[in-house]
C-alpha atoms as a PDB file:
ATOM      1  CA  UNK A   1      14.953 -17.877 -37.170  1.00  0.00           C
ATOM      2  CA  UNK A   2      15.123 -18.905 -33.531  1.00  0.00           C
ATOM      3  CA  UNK A   3      14.912 -16.059 -31.029  1.00  0.00           C
ATOM      4  CA  UNK A   4      16.627 -16.668 -27.664  1.00  0.00           C
ATOM      5  CA  UNK A   5      16.520 -14.473 -24.557  1.00  0.00           C
ATOM      6  CA  UNK A   6      18.861 -14.909 -21.612  1.00  0.00           C
ATOM      7  CA  UNK A   7      17.841 -12.721 -18.704  1.00  0.00           C
ATOM      8  CA  UNK A   8      18.321 -12.506 -14.947  1.00  0.00           C
ATOM      9  CA  UNK A   9      19.717 -10.435 -12.097  1.00  0.00           C
ATOM     10  CA  UNK A  10      23.095  -8.753 -12.250  1.00  0.00           C
ATOM     11  CA  UNK A  11      25.839 -11.412 -12.024  1.00  0.00           C
ATOM     12  CA  UNK A  12      23.453 -14.249 -12.833  1.00  0.00           C
ATOM     13  CA  UNK A  13      25.740 -15.262 -15.715  1.00  0.00           C
ATOM     14  CA  UNK A  14      23.736 -13.860 -18.637  1.00  0.00           C
ATOM     15  CA  UNK A  15      26.703 -12.762 -20.753  1.00  0.00           C
ATOM     16  CA  UNK A  16      28.672 -15.913 -19.977  1.00  0.00           C
ATOM     17  CA  UNK A  17      25.793 -18.198 -20.949  1.00  0.00           C
ATOM     18  CA  UNK A  18      24.896 -16.156 -24.042  1.00  0.00           C
ATOM     19  CA  UNK A  19      28.502 -16.413 -25.256  1.00  0.00           C
ATOM     20  CA  UNK A  20      28.581 -20.153 -24.575  1.00  0.00           C
ATOM     21  CA  UNK A  21      25.350 -20.683 -26.513  1.00  0.00           C
ATOM     22  CA  UNK A  22      26.668 -18.480 -29.320  1.00  0.00           C
ATOM     23  CA  UNK A  23      29.875 -20.533 -29.619  1.00  0.00           C
ATOM     24  CA  UNK A  24      27.931 -23.807 -29.477  1.00  0.00           C
ATOM     25  CA  UNK A  25      25.506 -22.755 -32.214  1.00  0.00           C
ATOM     26  CA  UNK A  26      28.317 -21.434 -34.419  1.00  0.00           C
ATOM     27  CA  UNK A  27      30.133 -24.774 -34.052  1.00  0.00           C
ATOM     28  CA  UNK A  28      26.891 -26.449 -35.177  1.00  0.00           C
ATOM     29  CA  UNK A  29      27.102 -24.391 -38.380  1.00  0.00           C
ATOM     30  CA  UNK A  30      24.391 -21.868 -37.495  1.00  0.00           C
ATOM     31  CA  UNK A  31      24.543 -18.161 -38.258  1.00  0.00           C
ATOM     32  CA  UNK A  32      24.031 -16.326 -34.976  1.00  0.00           C
ATOM     33  CA  UNK A  33      23.543 -12.714 -33.936  1.00  0.00           C
ATOM     34  CA  UNK A  34      24.377 -11.956 -30.291  1.00  0.00           C
ATOM     35  CA  UNK A  35      23.194  -8.709 -28.684  1.00  0.00           C
ATOM     36  CA  UNK A  36      24.039  -7.562 -25.173  1.00  0.00           C
ATOM     37  CA  UNK A  37      21.904  -4.915 -23.470  1.00  0.00           C
ATOM     38  CA  UNK A  38      22.558  -2.232 -22.664  1.00  0.00           C
ATOM     39  CA  UNK A  39      24.685  -2.078 -25.815  1.00  0.00           C
ATOM     40  CA  UNK A  40      27.905  -0.116 -26.190  1.00  0.00           C
ATOM     41  CA  UNK A  41      27.521   0.537 -29.915  1.00  0.00           C
ATOM     42  CA  UNK A  42      24.766   3.144 -29.872  1.00  0.00           C
ATOM     43  CA  UNK A  43      23.618   6.260 -28.021  1.00  0.00           C
ATOM     44  CA  UNK A  44      20.706   4.569 -26.243  1.00  0.00           C
ATOM     45  CA  UNK A  45      22.794   1.783 -24.764  1.00  0.00           C
ATOM     46  CA  UNK A  46      25.580   4.166 -23.744  1.00  0.00           C
ATOM     47  CA  UNK A  47      23.069   6.414 -21.963  1.00  0.00           C
ATOM     48  CA  UNK A  48      21.530   3.421 -20.164  1.00  0.00           C
ATOM     49  CA  UNK A  49      24.990   2.362 -18.961  1.00  0.00           C
ATOM     50  CA  UNK A  50      25.754   5.889 -17.748  1.00  0.00           C
ATOM     51  CA  UNK A  51      22.595   5.965 -15.644  1.00  0.00           C
ATOM     52  CA  UNK A  52      23.440   2.565 -14.136  1.00  0.00           C
ATOM     53  CA  UNK A  53      26.067   4.357 -12.066  1.00  0.00           C
ATOM     54  CA  UNK A  54      23.705   7.109 -10.891  1.00  0.00           C
ATOM     55  CA  UNK A  55      21.514   7.035  -7.807  1.00  0.00           C
ATOM     56  CA  UNK A  56      17.928   8.100  -7.198  1.00  0.00           C
ATOM     57  CA  UNK A  57      14.503   7.431  -8.658  1.00  0.00           C
ATOM     58  CA  UNK A  58      15.131   9.533 -11.736  1.00  0.00           C
ATOM     59  CA  UNK A  59      18.131   7.317 -12.529  1.00  0.00           C
ATOM     60  CA  UNK A  60      15.893   4.230 -12.197  1.00  0.00           C
ATOM     61  CA  UNK A  61      13.523   5.686 -14.779  1.00  0.00           C
ATOM     62  CA  UNK A  62      16.322   6.823 -17.083  1.00  0.00           C
ATOM     63  CA  UNK A  63      18.052   3.425 -17.034  1.00  0.00           C
ATOM     64  CA  UNK A  64      14.819   1.585 -17.813  1.00  0.00           C
ATOM     65  CA  UNK A  65      13.810   4.099 -20.490  1.00  0.00           C
ATOM     66  CA  UNK A  66      17.110   4.044 -22.407  1.00  0.00           C
ATOM     67  CA  UNK A  67      17.499   0.303 -21.870  1.00  0.00           C
ATOM     68  CA  UNK A  68      14.101  -0.511 -23.395  1.00  0.00           C
ATOM     69  CA  UNK A  69      14.768   1.832 -26.323  1.00  0.00           C
ATOM     70  CA  UNK A  70      18.098   0.045 -26.822  1.00  0.00           C
ATOM     71  CA  UNK A  71      16.311  -3.327 -26.877  1.00  0.00           C
ATOM     72  CA  UNK A  72      13.707  -2.042 -29.334  1.00  0.00           C
ATOM     73  CA  UNK A  73      16.499  -0.680 -31.522  1.00  0.00           C
ATOM     74  CA  UNK A  74      18.144  -4.112 -31.555  1.00  0.00           C
ATOM     75  CA  UNK A  75      14.856  -5.780 -32.453  1.00  0.00           C
ATOM     76  CA  UNK A  76      14.322  -3.383 -35.352  1.00  0.00           C
ATOM     77  CA  UNK A  77      17.878  -3.755 -36.649  1.00  0.00           C
ATOM     78  CA  UNK A  78      18.574  -7.453 -36.162  1.00  0.00           C
ATOM     79  CA  UNK A  79      15.385  -9.504 -35.994  1.00  0.00           C
ATOM     80  CA  UNK A  80      14.596  -9.170 -39.697  1.00  0.00           C
ATOM     81  CA  UNK A  81      18.104 -10.076 -40.877  1.00  0.00           C
ATOM     82  CA  UNK A  82      18.823 -13.594 -42.065  1.00  0.00           C
ATOM     83  CA  UNK A  83      20.244 -15.406 -39.071  1.00  0.00           C
ATOM     84  CA  UNK A  84      19.480 -18.909 -37.929  1.00  0.00           C
ATOM     85  CA  UNK A  85      19.420 -17.643 -34.357  1.00  0.00           C
ATOM     86  CA  UNK A  86      19.340 -14.288 -32.555  1.00  0.00           C
ATOM     87  CA  UNK A  87      20.377 -14.203 -28.892  1.00  0.00           C
ATOM     88  CA  UNK A  88      19.512 -11.237 -26.669  1.00  0.00           C
ATOM     89  CA  UNK A  89      20.809 -10.760 -23.152  1.00  0.00           C
ATOM     90  CA  UNK A  90      18.607  -8.641 -20.946  1.00  0.00           C
ATOM     91  CA  UNK A  91      15.265  -8.170 -22.530  1.00  0.00           C
ATOM     92  CA  UNK A  92      11.978  -7.763 -20.668  1.00  0.00           C
ATOM     93  CA  UNK A  93      13.240  -8.231 -17.119  1.00  0.00           C
ATOM     94  CA  UNK A  94      14.986  -4.855 -17.222  1.00  0.00           C
ATOM     95  CA  UNK A  95      11.570  -3.470 -16.332  1.00  0.00           C
ATOM     96  CA  UNK A  96      11.970  -5.047 -12.859  1.00  0.00           C
ATOM     97  CA  UNK A  97      14.332  -2.193 -12.023  1.00  0.00           C
ATOM     98  CA  UNK A  98      11.463   0.283 -12.228  1.00  0.00           C
ATOM     99  CA  UNK A  99       9.613   1.246  -9.036  1.00  0.00           C
ATOM    100  CA  UNK A 100       6.417  -0.676  -8.175  1.00  0.00           C
ATOM    101  CA  UNK A 101       3.831  -0.874  -9.680  1.00  0.00           C
ATOM    102  CA  UNK A 102       5.318   0.731 -12.805  1.00  0.00           C
ATOM    103  CA  UNK A 103       7.511  -2.340 -13.371  1.00  0.00           C
ATOM    104  CA  UNK A 104       4.400  -4.493 -14.020  1.00  0.00           C
ATOM    105  CA  UNK A 105       2.807  -1.968 -16.358  1.00  0.00           C
ATOM    106  CA  UNK A 106       6.035  -1.569 -18.358  1.00  0.00           C
ATOM    107  CA  UNK A 107       6.628  -5.336 -18.525  1.00  0.00           C
ATOM    108  CA  UNK A 108       3.135  -6.125 -19.790  1.00  0.00           C
ATOM    109  CA  UNK A 109       3.242  -3.267 -22.289  1.00  0.00           C
ATOM    110  CA  UNK A 110       6.575  -4.350 -23.746  1.00  0.00           C
ATOM    111  CA  UNK A 111       5.599  -8.047 -23.684  1.00  0.00           C
ATOM    112  CA  UNK A 112       2.760  -7.105 -26.042  1.00  0.00           C
ATOM    113  CA  UNK A 113       4.989  -5.021 -28.309  1.00  0.00           C
ATOM    114  CA  UNK A 114       8.235  -6.999 -28.611  1.00  0.00           C
ATOM    115  CA  UNK A 115       8.702 -10.577 -29.842  1.00  0.00           C
ATOM    116  CA  UNK A 116       8.656 -13.397 -27.320  1.00  0.00           C
ATOM    117  CA  UNK A 117       9.808 -16.968 -27.727  1.00  0.00           C
ATOM    118  CA  UNK A 118       9.797 -20.474 -26.313  1.00  0.00           C
ATOM    119  CA  UNK A 119      13.514 -19.887 -25.711  1.00  0.00           C
ATOM    120  CA  UNK A 120      13.378 -17.295 -22.934  1.00  0.00           C
ATOM    121  CA  UNK A 121      15.644 -18.305 -20.066  1.00  0.00           C
ATOM    122  CA  UNK A 122      15.650 -16.585 -16.689  1.00  0.00           C
ATOM    123  CA  UNK A 123      18.867 -17.321 -14.816  1.00  0.00           C
ATOM    124  CA  UNK A 124      17.683 -17.345 -11.228  1.00  0.00           C
ATOM    125  CA  UNK A 125      20.498 -16.550  -8.831  1.00  0.00           C
ATOM    126  CA  UNK A 126      19.922 -15.791  -5.172  1.00  0.00           C
ATOM    127  CA  UNK A 127      20.515 -12.144  -4.247  1.00  0.00           C
ATOM    128  CA  UNK A 128      23.216 -13.233  -1.773  1.00  0.00           C
ATOM    129  CA  UNK A 129      25.075 -15.202  -4.446  1.00  0.00           C
ATOM    130  CA  UNK A 130      24.702 -12.363  -6.974  1.00  0.00           C
ATOM    131  CA  UNK A 131      26.014  -9.894  -4.406  1.00  0.00           C
ATOM    132  CA  UNK A 132      28.950 -12.180  -3.590  1.00  0.00           C
ATOM    133  CA  UNK A 133      29.847 -12.445  -7.286  1.00  0.00           C
ATOM    134  CA  UNK A 134      29.585  -8.684  -7.736  1.00  0.00           C
ATOM    135  CA  UNK A 135      31.867  -8.010  -4.789  1.00  0.00           C
ATOM    136  CA  UNK A 136      34.379 -10.567  -6.031  1.00  0.00           C
ATOM    137  CA  UNK A 137      34.406  -9.619  -9.724  1.00  0.00           C
ATOM    138  CA  UNK A 138      33.697  -5.897 -10.081  1.00  0.00           C
ATOM    139  CA  UNK A 139      35.711  -2.850  -9.194  1.00  0.00           C
ATOM    140  CA  UNK A 140      32.844  -0.420  -9.688  1.00  0.00           C
ATOM    141  CA  UNK A 141      29.257  -1.198  -8.768  1.00  0.00           C
ATOM    142  CA  UNK A 142      26.070  -0.149 -10.424  1.00  0.00           C
ATOM    143  CA  UNK A 143      23.313   1.588  -8.481  1.00  0.00           C
ATOM    144  CA  UNK A 144      21.207  -1.593  -8.395  1.00  0.00           C
ATOM    145  CA  UNK A 145      23.889  -3.925  -7.072  1.00  0.00           C
ATOM    146  CA  UNK A 146      23.469  -3.628  -3.315  1.00  0.00           C
ATOM    147  CA  UNK A 147      22.072  -6.693  -1.553  1.00  0.00           C
ATOM    148  CA  UNK A 148      18.848  -4.816  -0.778  1.00  0.00           C
ATOM    149  CA  UNK A 149      18.354  -3.750  -4.418  1.00  0.00           C
ATOM    150  CA  UNK A 150      19.106  -7.268  -5.659  1.00  0.00           C
ATOM    151  CA  UNK A 151      16.513  -8.718  -3.262  1.00  0.00           C
ATOM    152  CA  UNK A 152      13.915  -6.160  -4.353  1.00  0.00           C
ATOM    153  CA  UNK A 153      14.650  -6.664  -8.047  1.00  0.00           C
ATOM    154  CA  UNK A 154      14.556 -10.464  -7.822  1.00  0.00           C
ATOM    155  CA  UNK A 155      11.175 -10.345  -6.086  1.00  0.00           C
ATOM    156  CA  UNK A 156       9.763  -8.141  -8.843  1.00  0.00           C
ATOM    157  CA  UNK A 157      11.414 -10.222 -11.590  1.00  0.00           C
ATOM    158  CA  UNK A 158       9.958 -13.466 -10.232  1.00  0.00           C
ATOM    159  CA  UNK A 159       6.467 -11.953 -10.251  1.00  0.00           C
ATOM    160  CA  UNK A 160       6.974 -10.892 -13.877  1.00  0.00           C
ATOM    161  CA  UNK A 161       8.298 -14.173 -15.227  1.00  0.00           C
ATOM    162  CA  UNK A 162       5.375 -16.056 -13.722  1.00  0.00           C
ATOM    163  CA  UNK A 163       3.174 -14.374 -16.352  1.00  0.00           C
ATOM    164  CA  UNK A 164       5.270 -15.265 -19.385  1.00  0.00           C
ATOM    165  CA  UNK A 165       6.841 -18.136 -21.277  1.00  0.00           C
ATOM    166  CA  UNK A 166      10.034 -18.204 -19.232  1.00  0.00           C
ATOM    167  CA  UNK A 167      12.172 -21.205 -18.394  1.00  0.00           C
ATOM    168  CA  UNK A 168      13.678 -20.685 -14.950  1.00  0.00           C
ATOM    169  CA  UNK A 169      17.206 -22.025 -14.586  1.00  0.00           C
ATOM    170  CA  UNK A 170      18.978 -22.284 -11.241  1.00  0.00           C
ATOM    171  CA  UNK A 171      22.051 -20.104 -11.803  1.00  0.00           C
ATOM    172  CA  UNK A 172      23.488 -20.696  -8.325  1.00  0.00           C
ATOM    173  CA  UNK A 173      25.163 -23.773  -9.817  1.00  0.00           C
ATOM    174  CA  UNK A 174      28.386 -24.038 -11.804  1.00  0.00           C
ATOM    175  CA  UNK A 175      28.739 -22.359 -15.187  1.00  0.00           C
ATOM    176  CA  UNK A 176      28.927 -25.798 -16.819  1.00  0.00           C
ATOM    177  CA  UNK A 177      25.727 -27.058 -15.152  1.00  0.00           C
ATOM    178  CA  UNK A 178      23.805 -23.957 -16.267  1.00  0.00           C
ATOM    179  CA  UNK A 179      25.243 -24.235 -19.779  1.00  0.00           C
ATOM    180  CA  UNK A 180      24.223 -27.893 -20.024  1.00  0.00           C
ATOM    181  CA  UNK A 181      20.671 -27.158 -18.891  1.00  0.00           C
ATOM    182  CA  UNK A 182      20.262 -24.311 -21.386  1.00  0.00           C
ATOM    183  CA  UNK A 183      21.703 -26.398 -24.204  1.00  0.00           C
ATOM    184  CA  UNK A 184      19.573 -29.454 -23.334  1.00  0.00           C
ATOM    185  CA  UNK A 185      16.385 -27.391 -23.082  1.00  0.00           C
ATOM    186  CA  UNK A 186      17.213 -25.496 -26.281  1.00  0.00           C
ATOM    187  CA  UNK A 187      17.904 -28.689 -28.278  1.00  0.00           C
ATOM    188  CA  UNK A 188      14.765 -30.403 -26.963  1.00  0.00           C
ATOM    189  CA  UNK A 189      12.622 -27.519 -28.177  1.00  0.00           C
ATOM    190  CA  UNK A 190      14.302 -27.280 -31.571  1.00  0.00           C
ATOM    191  CA  UNK A 191      13.996 -30.994 -32.365  1.00  0.00           C
END
């Protein structure tokens, strides 16, 4: 089984790219499991989503707590099943939403506990571009989607990915360019 992670800031294109990779792999005859986090199909994911629209430090902790439990739930339920490929959106970088220095402690703890892979892609979008996309595409905004929060979160995320096996992909480009880079990198590592 090949384990793929697609992570990044809000509006980096995680869901879009995960769906594109899913479709591509299915067309190649692979069996694929695709999990979005926070998930809508269980209590933990629903609670994480609820807290995304709350403000304050306690909401930051609650989002990260329920989000990580949702990810762990997905790992326990889906990683042992017989798929050729499992794709997770949002994985370890959700810890970047925690206050400093807790985000580093949580990241390193979970990086020891959960599976990692050579197929972990961080879609790096500038906070200004992410904010522009959010304003253009969303009617309601999450607590972490102000320009200031996006800048803070990206800074923390970049410090976290420098310690792991992440492939950084410039997500300021077109959807097609990002898709091609992910697909090319993925195929090069598989073959």
